[in-house]
C-alpha atoms as a PDB file:
ATOM      1  CA  MET A   1      15.355  17.433 -13.768  1.00  0.00           C
ATOM      2  CA  LEU A   2      15.451  13.021 -14.367  1.00  0.00           C
ATOM      3  CA  VAL A   3      19.181  12.775 -14.308  1.00  0.00           C
ATOM      4  CA  LEU A   4      19.262  14.434 -10.818  1.00  0.00           C
ATOM      5  CA  ILE A   5      16.378  12.711  -9.673  1.00  0.00           C
ATOM      6  CA  THR A   6      18.021   9.508 -10.958  1.00  0.00           C
ATOM      7  CA  LEU A   7      21.462  10.470  -8.984  1.00  0.00           C
ATOM      8  CA  ASN A   8      19.563  11.360  -6.417  1.00  0.00           C
ATOM      9  CA  ALA A   9      18.124   7.992  -5.795  1.00  0.00           C
ATOM     10  CA  ASN A  10      20.457   5.855  -6.959  1.00  0.00           C
ATOM     11  CA  GLY A  11      23.715   7.364  -6.033  1.00  0.00           C
ATOM     12  CA  THR A  12      26.888   7.341  -7.868  1.00  0.00           C
ATOM     13  CA  MET A  13      26.301   5.707 -11.190  1.00  0.00           C
ATOM     14  CA  ARG A  14      27.867   4.833 -14.108  1.00  0.00           C
ATOM     15  CA  PHE A  15      26.944   6.530 -17.307  1.00  0.00           C
ATOM     16  CA  SER A  16      24.652   3.115 -19.070  1.00  0.00           C
ATOM     17  CA  ASP A  17      23.392   2.774 -16.117  1.00  0.00           C
ATOM     18  CA  ILE A  18      21.937   6.166 -15.926  1.00  0.00           C
ATOM     19  CA  HIS A  19      20.724   5.738 -19.986  1.00  0.00           C
ATOM     20  CA  LYS A  20      18.985   1.951 -18.710  1.00  0.00           C
ATOM     21  CA  THR A  21      17.379   3.586 -15.753  1.00  0.00           C
ATOM     22  CA  ILE A  22      15.875   6.712 -17.878  1.00  0.00           C
ATOM     23  CA  GLU A  23      14.858   4.471 -20.973  1.00  0.00           C
ATOM     24  CA  ASP A  24      13.571   7.738 -23.022  1.00  0.00           C
ATOM     25  CA  VAL A  25      16.779   9.448 -23.228  1.00  0.00           C
ATOM     26  CA  SER A  26      18.865   9.232 -26.266  1.00  0.00           C
ATOM     27  CA  GLN A  27      23.078   8.490 -25.597  1.00  0.00           C
ATOM     28  CA  ARG A  28      23.418  12.268 -27.242  1.00  0.00           C
ATOM     29  CA  MET A  29      20.859  13.863 -25.127  1.00  0.00           C
ATOM     30  CA  LEU A  30      22.127  12.122 -21.692  1.00  0.00           C
ATOM     31  CA  THR A  31      25.688  13.407 -23.107  1.00  0.00           C
ATOM     32  CA  VAL A  32      24.779  16.461 -23.663  1.00  0.00           C
ATOM     33  CA  THR A  33      22.675  17.065 -19.937  1.00  0.00           C
ATOM     34  CA  LEU A  34      25.224  15.449 -17.923  1.00  0.00           C
ATOM     35  CA  ARG A  35      27.947  18.240 -19.869  1.00  0.00           C
ATOM     36  CA  THR A  36      25.618  20.894 -18.937  1.00  0.00           C
ATOM     37  CA  LEU A  37      25.026  19.435 -15.188  1.00  0.00           C
ATOM     38  CA  GLU A  38      28.737  19.288 -14.825  1.00  0.00           C
ATOM     39  CA  SER A  39      29.610  22.758 -16.297  1.00  0.00           C
ATOM     40  CA  ASP A  40      26.688  24.498 -13.729  1.00  0.00           C
ATOM     41  CA  GLY A  41      28.550  22.445 -10.500  1.00  0.00           C
ATOM     42  CA  LEU A  42      25.353  19.824 -10.033  1.00  0.00           C
ATOM     43  CA  VAL A  43      27.219  16.838 -11.113  1.00  0.00           C
ATOM     44  CA  GLU A  44      30.181  15.792 -10.484  1.00  0.00           C
ATOM     45  CA  ARG A  45      32.013  13.115 -13.365  1.00  0.00           C
ATOM     46  CA  LYS A  46      35.469  10.689 -11.908  1.00  0.00           C
ATOM     47  CA  VAL A  47      37.250   9.547 -14.684  1.00  0.00           C
ATOM     48  CA  TYR A  48      39.216   6.009 -13.428  1.00  0.00           C
ATOM     49  CA  ALA A  49      42.645   5.413 -15.004  1.00  0.00           C
ATOM     50  CA  GLU A  50      41.617   1.818 -16.169  1.00  0.00           C
ATOM     51  CA  VAL A  51      41.522  -0.145 -19.451  1.00  0.00           C
ATOM     52  CA  PRO A  52      38.801   0.206 -20.687  1.00  0.00           C
ATOM     53  CA  PRO A  53      37.941   3.418 -18.706  1.00  0.00           C
ATOM     54  CA  ARG A  54      35.370   3.398 -16.172  1.00  0.00           C
ATOM     55  CA  VAL A  55      33.267   7.246 -15.606  1.00  0.00           C
ATOM     56  CA  GLU A  56      30.896   7.523 -12.861  1.00  0.00           C
ATOM     57  CA  TYR A  57      28.837  10.618 -11.941  1.00  0.00           C
ATOM     58  CA  CYS A  58      27.311  11.876  -8.767  1.00  0.00           C
ATOM     59  CA  LEU A  59      25.673  14.674  -7.574  1.00  0.00           C
ATOM     60  CA  THR A  60      27.197  17.698  -5.978  1.00  0.00           C
ATOM     61  CA  ASP A  61      26.145  19.189  -2.902  1.00  0.00           C
ATOM     62  CA  THR A  62      24.877  22.226  -4.339  1.00  0.00           C
ATOM     63  CA  GLY A  63      22.980  19.536  -7.427  1.00  0.00           C
ATOM     64  CA  GLY A  64      21.524  18.193  -3.681  1.00  0.00           C
ATOM     65  CA  THR A  65      19.872  21.404  -2.557  1.00  0.00           C
ATOM     66  CA  LEU A  66      18.098  21.264  -6.184  1.00  0.00           C
ATOM     67  CA  ILE A  67      16.281  18.076  -5.423  1.00  0.00           C
ATOM     68  CA  PRO A  68      13.481  19.573  -2.622  1.00  0.00           C
ATOM     69  CA  HIS A  69      12.764  21.956  -4.874  1.00  0.00           C
ATOM     70  CA  ILE A  70      11.894  19.254  -7.808  1.00  0.00           C
ATOM     71  CA  GLU A  71       9.829  17.510  -5.390  1.00  0.00           C
ATOM     72  CA  GLY A  72       7.798  20.326  -4.727  1.00  0.00           C
ATOM     73  CA  LEU A  73       7.687  21.148  -8.515  1.00  0.00           C
ATOM     74  CA  VAL A  74       6.725  17.223  -9.267  1.00  0.00           C
ATOM     75  CA  GLY A  75       4.396  17.379  -5.921  1.00  0.00           C
ATOM     76  CA  TRP A  76       2.695  20.721  -7.462  1.00  0.00           C
ATOM     77  CA  ALA A  77       2.256  18.686 -11.026  1.00  0.00           C
ATOM     78  CA  LEU A  78       1.102  15.529  -9.335  1.00  0.00           C
ATOM     79  CA  GLU A  79      -1.973  17.646  -7.338  1.00  0.00           C
ATOM     80  CA  ASN A  80      -2.673  19.851 -10.443  1.00  0.00           C
ATOM     81  CA  MET A  81      -2.837  17.195 -13.183  1.00  0.00           C
ATOM     82  CA  ASP A  82      -6.510  16.580 -13.552  1.00  0.00           C
ATOM     83  CA  THR A  83      -7.040  20.614 -13.569  1.00  0.00           C
ATOM     84  CA  ILE A  84      -4.052  21.025 -16.138  1.00  0.00           C
ATOM     85  CA  LEU A  85      -5.501  17.815 -18.899  1.00  0.00           C
ATOM     86  CA  ASN A  86      -8.856  19.111 -18.322  1.00  0.00           C
ATOM     87  CA  HIS A  87      -7.572  22.401 -19.795  1.00  0.00           C
ATOM     88  CA  ARG A  88      -5.734  20.570 -22.678  1.00  0.00           C
ATOM     89  CA  GLN A  89      -9.156  18.405 -23.414  1.00  0.00           C
ATOM     90  CA  MET A  90     -11.217  22.426 -23.513  1.00  0.00           C
ATOM     91  CA  SER A  91      -8.346  24.074 -25.404  1.00  0.00           C
ATOM     92  CA  ARG A  92      -8.741  21.581 -28.396  1.00  0.00           C
END
């Protein structure tokens, strides 16, 4: 979800820029995530024939249609955060 939200907020980005934006993700996990999102048709990967090669990622139209649903889920989580945290405390 973070990759989709990041690309939605920033538009087309290079791998290193995505990695800098999402600080807590390893390069390996980001690579796997981007490949999965690309194979699902949510992210487009564009390789430029340059030296050194430049690779950019952006949301596809399909990926863009997922953003309102992710934002709804985030909104729900924020609205219910106190209740969820209280239940976690009580279950310890």
